[in-house]
């Protein structure tokens, strides 16, 4: 029985990733940070990334499209205020000591 050549199966397409949108900027002692929104496979993700210094990016929230625009704007306002008061990204968990 002869072997037949079959073309390779094309890889599944990757995630659908939308453009990043700046939602807010805030300044702390370490430097300026940016909150960004982006759709990944239809799900809104909010990240906090440094803009002018070395540091980590943090995933703040995902799935806000279900709660609407008011929830997004409230999250951004509260997060920025808390971050500036603490002088660090609000995603950091305070020491419990």
PDB file of N, CA and C in Angstrom:
ATOM      1  N   UNK A   1       0.839  -1.177   0.000  1.00  0.00           N
ATOM      2  CA  UNK A   1       0.000   0.000   0.000  1.00  0.00           C
ATOM      3  C   UNK A   1       0.883   1.240   0.000  1.00  0.00           C
ATOM      4  N   UNK A   2       0.726   2.080  -1.023  1.00  0.00           N
ATOM      5  CA  UNK A   2       1.592   3.263  -1.110  1.00  0.00           C
ATOM      6  C   UNK A   2       1.199   4.312  -0.071  1.00  0.00           C
ATOM      7  N   UNK A   3       2.226   5.011   0.401  1.00  0.00           N
ATOM      8  CA  UNK A   3       2.001   6.123   1.341  1.00  0.00           C
ATOM      9  C   UNK A   3       1.647   7.374   0.546  1.00  0.00           C
ATOM     10  N   UNK A   4       0.721   8.106   1.031  1.00  0.00           N
ATOM     11  CA  UNK A   4       0.368   9.366   0.368  1.00  0.00           C
ATOM     12  C   UNK A   4       0.832  10.521   1.241  1.00  0.00           C
ATOM     13  N   UNK A   5       1.265  11.540   0.611  1.00  0.00           N
ATOM     14  CA  UNK A   5       1.730  12.727   1.334  1.00  0.00           C
ATOM     15  C   UNK A   5       0.543  13.639   1.607  1.00  0.00           C
ATOM     16  N   UNK A   6       0.385  13.998   2.860  1.00  0.00           N
ATOM     17  CA  UNK A   6      -0.672  14.936   3.236  1.00  0.00           C
ATOM     18  C   UNK A   6      -0.011  16.223   3.697  1.00  0.00           C
ATOM     19  N   UNK A   7      -0.510  17.354   3.248  1.00  0.00           N
ATOM     20  CA  UNK A   7       0.090  18.614   3.697  1.00  0.00           C
ATOM     21  C   UNK A   7      -0.123  18.779   5.201  1.00  0.00           C
ATOM     22  N   UNK A   8       0.809  19.461   5.863  1.00  0.00           N
ATOM     23  CA  UNK A   8       0.660  19.656   7.309  1.00  0.00           C
ATOM     24  C   UNK A   8      -0.585  20.469   7.618  1.00  0.00           C
ATOM     25  N   UNK A   9      -1.162  20.175   8.750  1.00  0.00           N
ATOM     26  CA  UNK A   9      -2.334  20.926   9.191  1.00  0.00           C
ATOM     27  C   UNK A   9      -1.885  22.316   9.621  1.00  0.00           C
ATOM     28  N   UNK A  10      -2.523  23.340   9.095  1.00  0.00           N
ATOM     29  CA  UNK A  10      -2.103  24.684   9.496  1.00  0.00           C
ATOM     30  C   UNK A  10      -2.385  24.900  10.982  1.00  0.00           C
ATOM     31  N   UNK A  11      -1.516  25.666  11.656  1.00  0.00           N
ATOM     32  CA  UNK A  11      -1.741  25.912  13.077  1.00  0.00           C
ATOM     33  C   UNK A  11      -3.024  26.708  13.288  1.00  0.00           C
ATOM     34  N   UNK A  12      -3.642  26.469  14.431  1.00  0.00           N
ATOM     35  CA  UNK A  12      -4.849  27.238  14.766  1.00  0.00           C
ATOM     36  C   UNK A  12      -4.464  28.704  14.872  1.00  0.00           C
ATOM     37  N   UNK A  13      -5.364  29.548  14.448  1.00  0.00           N
ATOM     38  CA  UNK A  13      -5.043  30.972  14.536  1.00  0.00           C
ATOM     39  C   UNK A  13      -4.933  31.357  16.005  1.00  0.00           C
ATOM     40  N   UNK A  14      -4.073  32.311  16.270  1.00  0.00           N
ATOM     41  CA  UNK A  14      -3.840  32.769  17.643  1.00  0.00           C
ATOM     42  C   UNK A  14      -5.009  33.587  18.159  1.00  0.00           C
ATOM     43  N   UNK A  15      -4.860  34.096  19.354  1.00  0.00           N
ATOM     44  CA  UNK A  15      -5.933  34.890  19.948  1.00  0.00           C
ATOM     45  C   UNK A  15      -6.154  36.178  19.160  1.00  0.00           C
ATOM     46  N   UNK A  16      -7.388  36.610  19.139  1.00  0.00           N
ATOM     47  CA  UNK A  16      -7.698  37.902  18.517  1.00  0.00           C
ATOM     48  C   UNK A  16      -7.361  38.976  19.540  1.00  0.00           C
ATOM     49  N   UNK A  17      -6.414  39.821  19.190  1.00  0.00           N
ATOM     50  CA  UNK A  17      -5.921  40.831  20.123  1.00  0.00           C
ATOM     51  C   UNK A  17      -6.184  42.210  19.542  1.00  0.00           C
ATOM     52  N   UNK A  18      -6.898  43.023  20.304  1.00  0.00           N
ATOM     53  CA  UNK A  18      -7.191  44.387  19.882  1.00  0.00           C
ATOM     54  C   UNK A  18      -6.072  45.337  20.255  1.00  0.00           C
ATOM     55  N   UNK A  19      -6.218  46.551  19.812  1.00  0.00           N
ATOM     56  CA  UNK A  19      -5.237  47.597  20.084  1.00  0.00           C
ATOM     57  C   UNK A  19      -5.294  48.006  21.558  1.00  0.00           C
ATOM     58  N   UNK A  20      -4.143  48.319  22.132  1.00  0.00           N
ATOM     59  CA  UNK A  20      -4.103  48.825  23.503  1.00  0.00           C
ATOM     60  C   UNK A  20      -4.590  50.268  23.521  1.00  0.00           C
ATOM     61  N   UNK A  21      -5.371  50.573  24.551  1.00  0.00           N
ATOM     62  CA  UNK A  21      -5.908  51.928  24.714  1.00  0.00           C
ATOM     63  C   UNK A  21      -5.498  52.437  26.088  1.00  0.00           C
ATOM     64  N   UNK A  22      -4.901  53.617  26.124  1.00  0.00           N
ATOM     65  CA  UNK A  22      -4.523  54.205  27.405  1.00  0.00           C
ATOM     66  C   UNK A  22      -5.776  54.679  28.128  1.00  0.00           C
ATOM     67  N   UNK A  23      -5.952  54.220  29.350  1.00  0.00           N
ATOM     68  CA  UNK A  23      -7.112  54.592  30.159  1.00  0.00           C
ATOM     69  C   UNK A  23      -6.767  55.678  31.164  1.00  0.00           C
ATOM     70  N   UNK A  24      -5.526  55.663  31.674  1.00  0.00           N
ATOM     71  CA  UNK A  24      -5.098  56.659  32.658  1.00  0.00           C
ATOM     72  C   UNK A  24      -3.590  56.573  32.826  1.00  0.00           C
ATOM     73  N   UNK A  25      -3.037  57.639  33.387  1.00  0.00           N
ATOM     74  CA  UNK A  25      -1.625  57.696  33.789  1.00  0.00           C
ATOM     75  C   UNK A  25      -1.595  58.170  35.216  1.00  0.00           C
ATOM     76  N   UNK A  26      -0.621  57.672  35.947  1.00  0.00           N
ATOM     77  CA  UNK A  26      -0.422  58.202  37.295  1.00  0.00           C
ATOM     78  C   UNK A  26       1.060  58.182  37.615  1.00  0.00           C
ATOM     79  N   UNK A  27       1.443  59.032  38.550  1.00  0.00           N
ATOM     80  CA  UNK A  27       2.851  59.159  38.912  1.00  0.00           C
ATOM     81  C   UNK A  27       3.036  58.747  40.369  1.00  0.00           C
ATOM     82  N   UNK A  28       4.068  57.940  40.585  1.00  0.00           N
ATOM     83  CA  UNK A  28       4.504  57.572  41.927  1.00  0.00           C
ATOM     84  C   UNK A  28       6.008  57.846  41.981  1.00  0.00           C
ATOM     85  N   UNK A  29       6.624  57.661  43.136  1.00  0.00           N
ATOM     86  CA  UNK A  29       8.049  57.950  43.276  1.00  0.00           C
ATOM     87  C   UNK A  29       8.888  57.185  42.259  1.00  0.00           C
ATOM     88  N   UNK A  30       8.525  55.945  41.988  1.00  0.00           N
ATOM     89  CA  UNK A  30       9.291  55.117  41.041  1.00  0.00           C
ATOM     90  C   UNK A  30       9.197  55.615  39.604  1.00  0.00           C
ATOM     91  N   UNK A  31       8.162  56.383  39.272  1.00  0.00           N
ATOM     92  CA  UNK A  31       7.990  56.893  37.913  1.00  0.00           C
ATOM     93  C   UNK A  31       6.537  56.886  37.494  1.00  0.00           C
ATOM     94  N   UNK A  32       6.321  57.115  36.215  1.00  0.00           N
ATOM     95  CA  UNK A  32       4.965  57.172  35.671  1.00  0.00           C
ATOM     96  C   UNK A  32       4.525  55.776  35.244  1.00  0.00           C
ATOM     97  N   UNK A  33       3.265  55.483  35.519  1.00  0.00           N
ATOM     98  CA  UNK A  33       2.675  54.211  35.124  1.00  0.00           C
ATOM     99  C   UNK A  33       1.426  54.478  34.297  1.00  0.00           C
ATOM    100  N   UNK A  34       1.077  53.523  33.451  1.00  0.00           N
ATOM    101  CA  UNK A  34      -0.063  53.670  32.545  1.00  0.00           C
ATOM    102  C   UNK A  34      -1.021  52.506  32.753  1.00  0.00           C
ATOM    103  N   UNK A  35      -2.301  52.826  32.895  1.00  0.00           N
ATOM    104  CA  UNK A  35      -3.340  51.800  32.857  1.00  0.00           C
ATOM    105  C   UNK A  35      -3.790  51.692  31.408  1.00  0.00           C
ATOM    106  N   UNK A  36      -3.805  50.466  30.897  1.00  0.00           N
ATOM    107  CA  UNK A  36      -4.188  50.225  29.514  1.00  0.00           C
ATOM    108  C   UNK A  36      -5.323  49.219  29.458  1.00  0.00           C
ATOM    109  N   UNK A  37      -6.206  49.418  28.499  1.00  0.00           N
ATOM    110  CA  UNK A  37      -7.258  48.463  28.224  1.00  0.00           C
ATOM    111  C   UNK A  37      -6.998  47.801  26.887  1.00  0.00           C
ATOM    112  N   UNK A  38      -7.354  46.537  26.766  1.00  0.00           N
ATOM    113  CA  UNK A  38      -7.163  45.806  25.516  1.00  0.00           C
ATOM    114  C   UNK A  38      -8.128  44.627  25.479  1.00  0.00           C
ATOM    115  N   UNK A  39      -8.712  44.378  24.319  1.00  0.00           N
ATOM    116  CA  UNK A  39      -9.555  43.193  24.141  1.00  0.00           C
ATOM    117  C   UNK A  39      -8.691  42.039  23.648  1.00  0.00           C
ATOM    118  N   UNK A  40      -8.824  40.907  24.322  1.00  0.00           N
ATOM    119  CA  UNK A  40      -8.141  39.685  23.909  1.00  0.00           C
ATOM    120  C   UNK A  40      -9.221  38.619  23.820  1.00  0.00           C
ATOM    121  N   UNK A  41      -9.452  38.141  22.611  1.00  0.00           N
ATOM    122  CA  UNK A  41     -10.536  37.191  22.345  1.00  0.00           C
ATOM    123  C   UNK A  41     -11.878  37.708  22.868  1.00  0.00           C
ATOM    124  N   UNK A  42     -12.111  38.992  22.701  1.00  0.00           N
ATOM    125  CA  UNK A  42     -13.385  39.591  23.076  1.00  0.00           C
ATOM    126  C   UNK A  42     -13.506  39.962  24.543  1.00  0.00           C
ATOM    127  N   UNK A  43     -12.489  39.651  25.339  1.00  0.00           N
ATOM    128  CA  UNK A  43     -12.529  39.938  26.771  1.00  0.00           C
ATOM    129  C   UNK A  43     -11.658  41.160  27.061  1.00  0.00           C
ATOM    130  N   UNK A  44     -12.221  42.147  27.766  1.00  0.00           N
ATOM    131  CA  UNK A  44     -11.472  43.352  28.103  1.00  0.00           C
ATOM    132  C   UNK A  44     -10.517  43.041  29.248  1.00  0.00           C
ATOM    133  N   UNK A  45      -9.254  43.444  29.074  1.00  0.00           N
ATOM    134  CA  UNK A  45      -8.237  43.291  30.115  1.00  0.00           C
ATOM    135  C   UNK A  45      -7.660  44.657  30.423  1.00  0.00           C
ATOM    136  N   UNK A  46      -7.463  44.920  31.700  1.00  0.00           N
ATOM    137  CA  UNK A  46      -6.863  46.182  32.147  1.00  0.00           C
ATOM    138  C   UNK A  46      -5.523  45.844  32.785  1.00  0.00           C
ATOM    139  N   UNK A  47      -4.463  46.495  32.307  1.00  0.00           N
ATOM    140  CA  UNK A  47      -3.124  46.267  32.834  1.00  0.00           C
ATOM    141  C   UNK A  47      -2.530  47.575  33.339  1.00  0.00           C
ATOM    142  N   UNK A  48      -1.578  47.445  34.248  1.00  0.00           N
ATOM    143  CA  UNK A  48      -0.839  48.568  34.824  1.00  0.00           C
ATOM    144  C   UNK A  48       0.623  48.331  34.475  1.00  0.00           C
ATOM    145  N   UNK A  49       1.216  49.228  33.661  1.00  0.00           N
ATOM    146  CA  UNK A  49       2.590  49.049  33.188  1.00  0.00           C
ATOM    147  C   UNK A  49       3.406  50.321  33.407  1.00  0.00           C
ATOM    148  N   UNK A  50       4.715  50.168  33.666  1.00  0.00           N
ATOM    149  CA  UNK A  50       5.564  51.353  33.769  1.00  0.00           C
ATOM    150  C   UNK A  50       5.730  51.993  32.393  1.00  0.00           C
ATOM    151  N   UNK A  51       5.835  53.322  32.374  1.00  0.00           N
ATOM    152  CA  UNK A  51       6.037  53.977  31.078  1.00  0.00           C
ATOM    153  C   UNK A  51       7.437  54.549  30.931  1.00  0.00           C
ATOM    154  N   UNK A  52       8.099  54.869  32.035  1.00  0.00           N
ATOM    155  CA  UNK A  52       9.397  55.545  31.939  1.00  0.00           C
ATOM    156  C   UNK A  52      10.447  54.962  32.874  1.00  0.00           C
ATOM    157  N   UNK A  53      10.220  53.753  33.344  1.00  0.00           N
ATOM    158  CA  UNK A  53      11.169  53.117  34.249  1.00  0.00           C
ATOM    159  C   UNK A  53      10.998  51.593  34.161  1.00  0.00           C
ATOM    160  N   UNK A  54      12.000  50.891  34.671  1.00  0.00           N
ATOM    161  CA  UNK A  54      11.910  49.435  34.686  1.00  0.00           C
ATOM    162  C   UNK A  54      10.889  49.008  35.736  1.00  0.00           C
ATOM    163  N   UNK A  55      10.234  47.942  35.480  1.00  0.00           N
ATOM    164  CA  UNK A  55       9.254  47.449  36.436  1.00  0.00           C
ATOM    165  C   UNK A  55       8.328  46.448  35.782  1.00  0.00           C
ATOM    166  N   UNK A  56       7.479  45.876  36.587  1.00  0.00           N
ATOM    167  CA  UNK A  56       6.552  44.843  36.114  1.00  0.00           C
ATOM    168  C   UNK A  56       5.268  45.447  35.589  1.00  0.00           C
ATOM    169  N   UNK A  57       4.639  44.700  34.715  1.00  0.00           N
ATOM    170  CA  UNK A  57       3.263  44.982  34.302  1.00  0.00           C
ATOM    171  C   UNK A  57       2.364  44.051  35.114  1.00  0.00           C
ATOM    172  N   UNK A  58       1.200  44.551  35.466  1.00  0.00           N
ATOM    173  CA  UNK A  58       0.258  43.767  36.255  1.00  0.00           C
ATOM    174  C   UNK A  58      -1.090  43.703  35.554  1.00  0.00           C
ATOM    175  N   UNK A  59      -1.694  42.529  35.556  1.00  0.00           N
ATOM    176  CA  UNK A  59      -3.063  42.380  35.084  1.00  0.00           C
ATOM    177  C   UNK A  59      -3.968  42.790  36.234  1.00  0.00           C
ATOM    178  N   UNK A  60      -4.738  43.855  36.043  1.00  0.00           N
ATOM    179  CA  UNK A  60      -5.580  44.409  37.094  1.00  0.00           C
ATOM    180  C   UNK A  60      -6.962  43.755  37.091  1.00  0.00           C
ATOM    181  N   UNK A  61      -7.526  43.599  35.923  1.00  0.00           N
ATOM    182  CA  UNK A  61      -8.895  43.071  35.826  1.00  0.00           C
ATOM    183  C   UNK A  61      -9.096  42.514  34.435  1.00  0.00           C
ATOM    184  N   UNK A  62      -9.988  41.545  34.332  1.00  0.00           N
ATOM    185  CA  UNK A  62     -10.399  41.049  33.009  1.00  0.00           C
ATOM    186  C   UNK A  62     -11.879  40.704  33.084  1.00  0.00           C
ATOM    187  N   UNK A  63     -12.556  40.909  31.972  1.00  0.00           N
ATOM    188  CA  UNK A  63     -13.971  40.580  31.903  1.00  0.00           C
ATOM    189  C   UNK A  63     -14.898  41.731  32.245  1.00  0.00           C
ATOM    190  N   UNK A  64     -14.386  42.943  32.230  1.00  0.00           N
ATOM    191  CA  UNK A  64     -15.215  44.100  32.603  1.00  0.00           C
ATOM    192  C   UNK A  64     -16.297  44.430  31.583  1.00  0.00           C
ATOM    193  N   UNK A  65     -16.192  43.888  30.374  1.00  0.00           N
ATOM    194  CA  UNK A  65     -17.199  44.221  29.363  1.00  0.00           C
ATOM    195  C   UNK A  65     -18.585  43.777  29.809  1.00  0.00           C
ATOM    196  N   UNK A  66     -18.641  42.814  30.707  1.00  0.00           N
ATOM    197  CA  UNK A  66     -19.935  42.342  31.193  1.00  0.00           C
ATOM    198  C   UNK A  66     -20.583  43.348  32.143  1.00  0.00           C
ATOM    199  N   UNK A  67     -19.765  44.176  32.796  1.00  0.00           N
ATOM    200  CA  UNK A  67     -20.281  45.128  33.781  1.00  0.00           C
ATOM    201  C   UNK A  67     -20.515  46.520  33.209  1.00  0.00           C
ATOM    202  N   UNK A  68     -20.029  46.774  32.011  1.00  0.00           N
ATOM    203  CA  UNK A  68     -20.278  48.036  31.350  1.00  0.00           C
ATOM    204  C   UNK A  68     -19.199  49.082  31.577  1.00  0.00           C
ATOM    205  N   UNK A  69     -19.370  50.175  30.858  1.00  0.00           N
ATOM    206  CA  UNK A  69     -18.386  51.261  30.865  1.00  0.00           C
ATOM    207  C   UNK A  69     -18.281  51.933  32.226  1.00  0.00           C
ATOM    208  N   UNK A  70     -19.384  52.061  32.941  1.00  0.00           N
ATOM    209  CA  UNK A  70     -19.362  52.700  34.261  1.00  0.00           C
ATOM    210  C   UNK A  70     -18.457  51.924  35.215  1.00  0.00           C
ATOM    211  N   UNK A  71     -18.478  50.605  35.146  1.00  0.00           N
ATOM    212  CA  UNK A  71     -17.616  49.785  35.996  1.00  0.00           C
ATOM    213  C   UNK A  71     -16.150  50.001  35.647  1.00  0.00           C
ATOM    214  N   UNK A  72     -15.852  50.120  34.360  1.00  0.00           N
ATOM    215  CA  UNK A  72     -14.479  50.361  33.923  1.00  0.00           C
ATOM    216  C   UNK A  72     -13.982  51.707  34.436  1.00  0.00           C
ATOM    217  N   UNK A  73     -14.761  52.756  34.264  1.00  0.00           N
ATOM    218  CA  UNK A  73     -14.317  54.083  34.704  1.00  0.00           C
ATOM    219  C   UNK A  73     -14.177  54.143  36.226  1.00  0.00           C
ATOM    220  N   UNK A  74     -15.051  53.469  36.960  1.00  0.00           N
ATOM    221  CA  UNK A  74     -14.940  53.438  38.422  1.00  0.00           C
ATOM    222  C   UNK A  74     -13.676  52.693  38.852  1.00  0.00           C
ATOM    223  N   UNK A  75     -13.394  51.563  38.213  1.00  0.00           N
ATOM    224  CA  UNK A  75     -12.190  50.803  38.522  1.00  0.00           C
ATOM    225  C   UNK A  75     -10.948  51.654  38.299  1.00  0.00           C
ATOM    226  N   UNK A  76     -10.874  52.316  37.148  1.00  0.00           N
ATOM    227  CA  UNK A  76      -9.703  53.126  36.817  1.00  0.00           C
ATOM    228  C   UNK A  76      -9.537  54.262  37.827  1.00  0.00           C
ATOM    229  N   UNK A  77     -10.603  54.979  38.135  1.00  0.00           N
ATOM    230  CA  UNK A  77     -10.517  56.107  39.080  1.00  0.00           C
ATOM    231  C   UNK A  77     -10.073  55.626  40.461  1.00  0.00           C
ATOM    232  N   UNK A  78     -10.665  54.565  40.959  1.00  0.00           N
ATOM    233  CA  UNK A  78     -10.309  54.043  42.280  1.00  0.00           C
ATOM    234  C   UNK A  78      -8.876  53.520  42.309  1.00  0.00           C
ATOM    235  N   UNK A  79      -8.482  52.816  41.270  1.00  0.00           N
ATOM    236  CA  UNK A  79      -7.140  52.241  41.217  1.00  0.00           C
ATOM    237  C   UNK A  79      -6.078  53.334  41.207  1.00  0.00           C
ATOM    238  N   UNK A  80      -6.280  54.360  40.392  1.00  0.00           N
ATOM    239  CA  UNK A  80      -5.311  55.462  40.317  1.00  0.00           C
ATOM    240  C   UNK A  80      -5.220  56.182  41.654  1.00  0.00           C
ATOM    241  N   UNK A  81      -6.345  56.485  42.263  1.00  0.00           N
ATOM    242  CA  UNK A  81      -6.350  57.182  43.550  1.00  0.00           C
ATOM    243  C   UNK A  81      -5.615  56.359  44.618  1.00  0.00           C
ATOM    244  N   UNK A  82      -5.925  55.084  44.702  1.00  0.00           N
ATOM    245  CA  UNK A  82      -5.289  54.209  45.688  1.00  0.00           C
ATOM    246  C   UNK A  82      -3.787  54.099  45.432  1.00  0.00           C
ATOM    247  N   UNK A  83      -3.389  53.977  44.172  1.00  0.00           N
ATOM    248  CA  UNK A  83      -1.972  53.863  43.826  1.00  0.00           C
ATOM    249  C   UNK A  83      -1.210  55.121  44.221  1.00  0.00           C
ATOM    250  N   UNK A  84      -1.778  56.276  43.955  1.00  0.00           N
ATOM    251  CA  UNK A  84      -1.104  57.529  44.298  1.00  0.00           C
ATOM    252  C   UNK A  84      -1.019  57.715  45.810  1.00  0.00           C
ATOM    253  N   UNK A  85      -2.054  57.351  46.529  1.00  0.00           N
ATOM    254  CA  UNK A  85      -2.021  57.467  47.994  1.00  0.00           C
ATOM    255  C   UNK A  85      -0.965  56.546  48.594  1.00  0.00           C
ATOM    256  N   UNK A  86      -0.839  55.344  48.056  1.00  0.00           N
ATOM    257  CA  UNK A  86       0.110  54.364  48.592  1.00  0.00           C
ATOM    258  C   UNK A  86       1.511  54.522  48.019  1.00  0.00           C
ATOM    259  N   UNK A  87       1.653  55.290  46.935  1.00  0.00           N
ATOM    260  CA  UNK A  87       2.919  55.480  46.229  1.00  0.00           C
ATOM    261  C   UNK A  87       3.476  54.155  45.698  1.00  0.00           C
ATOM    262  N   UNK A  88       2.569  53.297  45.239  1.00  0.00           N
ATOM    263  CA  UNK A  88       2.921  52.029  44.603  1.00  0.00           C
ATOM    264  C   UNK A  88       1.677  51.547  43.879  1.00  0.00           C
ATOM    265  N   UNK A  89       1.840  50.649  42.894  1.00  0.00           N
ATOM    266  CA  UNK A  89       0.654  50.111  42.223  1.00  0.00           C
ATOM    267  C   UNK A  89      -0.301  49.494  43.232  1.00  0.00           C
ATOM    268  N   UNK A  90      -1.546  49.826  43.133  1.00  0.00           N
ATOM    269  CA  UNK A  90      -2.556  49.359  44.103  1.00  0.00           C
ATOM    270  C   UNK A  90      -2.730  47.846  44.089  1.00  0.00           C
ATOM    271  N   UNK A  91      -2.241  47.193  43.067  1.00  0.00           N
ATOM    272  CA  UNK A  91      -2.361  45.729  42.993  1.00  0.00           C
ATOM    273  C   UNK A  91      -1.471  45.060  44.033  1.00  0.00           C
ATOM    274  N   UNK A  92      -0.448  45.757  44.517  1.00  0.00           N
ATOM    275  CA  UNK A  92       0.424  45.184  45.555  1.00  0.00           C
ATOM    276  C   UNK A  92      -0.371  44.958  46.825  1.00  0.00           C
ATOM    277  N   UNK A  93      -0.197  43.803  47.408  1.00  0.00           N
ATOM    278  CA  UNK A  93      -0.874  43.477  48.648  1.00  0.00           C
ATOM    279  C   UNK A  93      -0.025  44.021  49.791  1.00  0.00           C
ATOM    280  N   UNK A  94      -0.606  44.827  50.685  1.00  0.00           N
ATOM    281  CA  UNK A  94       0.187  45.369  51.794  1.00  0.00           C
ATOM    282  C   UNK A  94       0.662  44.265  52.733  1.00  0.00           C
ATOM    283  N   UNK A  95       1.812  44.496  53.346  1.00  0.00           N
ATOM    284  CA  UNK A  95       2.321  43.552  54.344  1.00  0.00           C
ATOM    285  C   UNK A  95       1.351  43.460  55.497  1.00  0.00           C
ATOM    286  N   UNK A  96       1.173  42.269  56.023  1.00  0.00           N
ATOM    287  CA  UNK A  96       0.255  42.068  57.132  1.00  0.00           C
ATOM    288  C   UNK A  96       0.974  42.051  58.483  1.00  0.00           C
ATOM    289  N   UNK A  97       2.278  42.345  58.463  1.00  0.00           N
ATOM    290  CA  UNK A  97       3.044  42.369  59.727  1.00  0.00           C
ATOM    291  C   UNK A  97       2.607  43.487  60.636  1.00  0.00           C
TER     292      UNK A  97
END
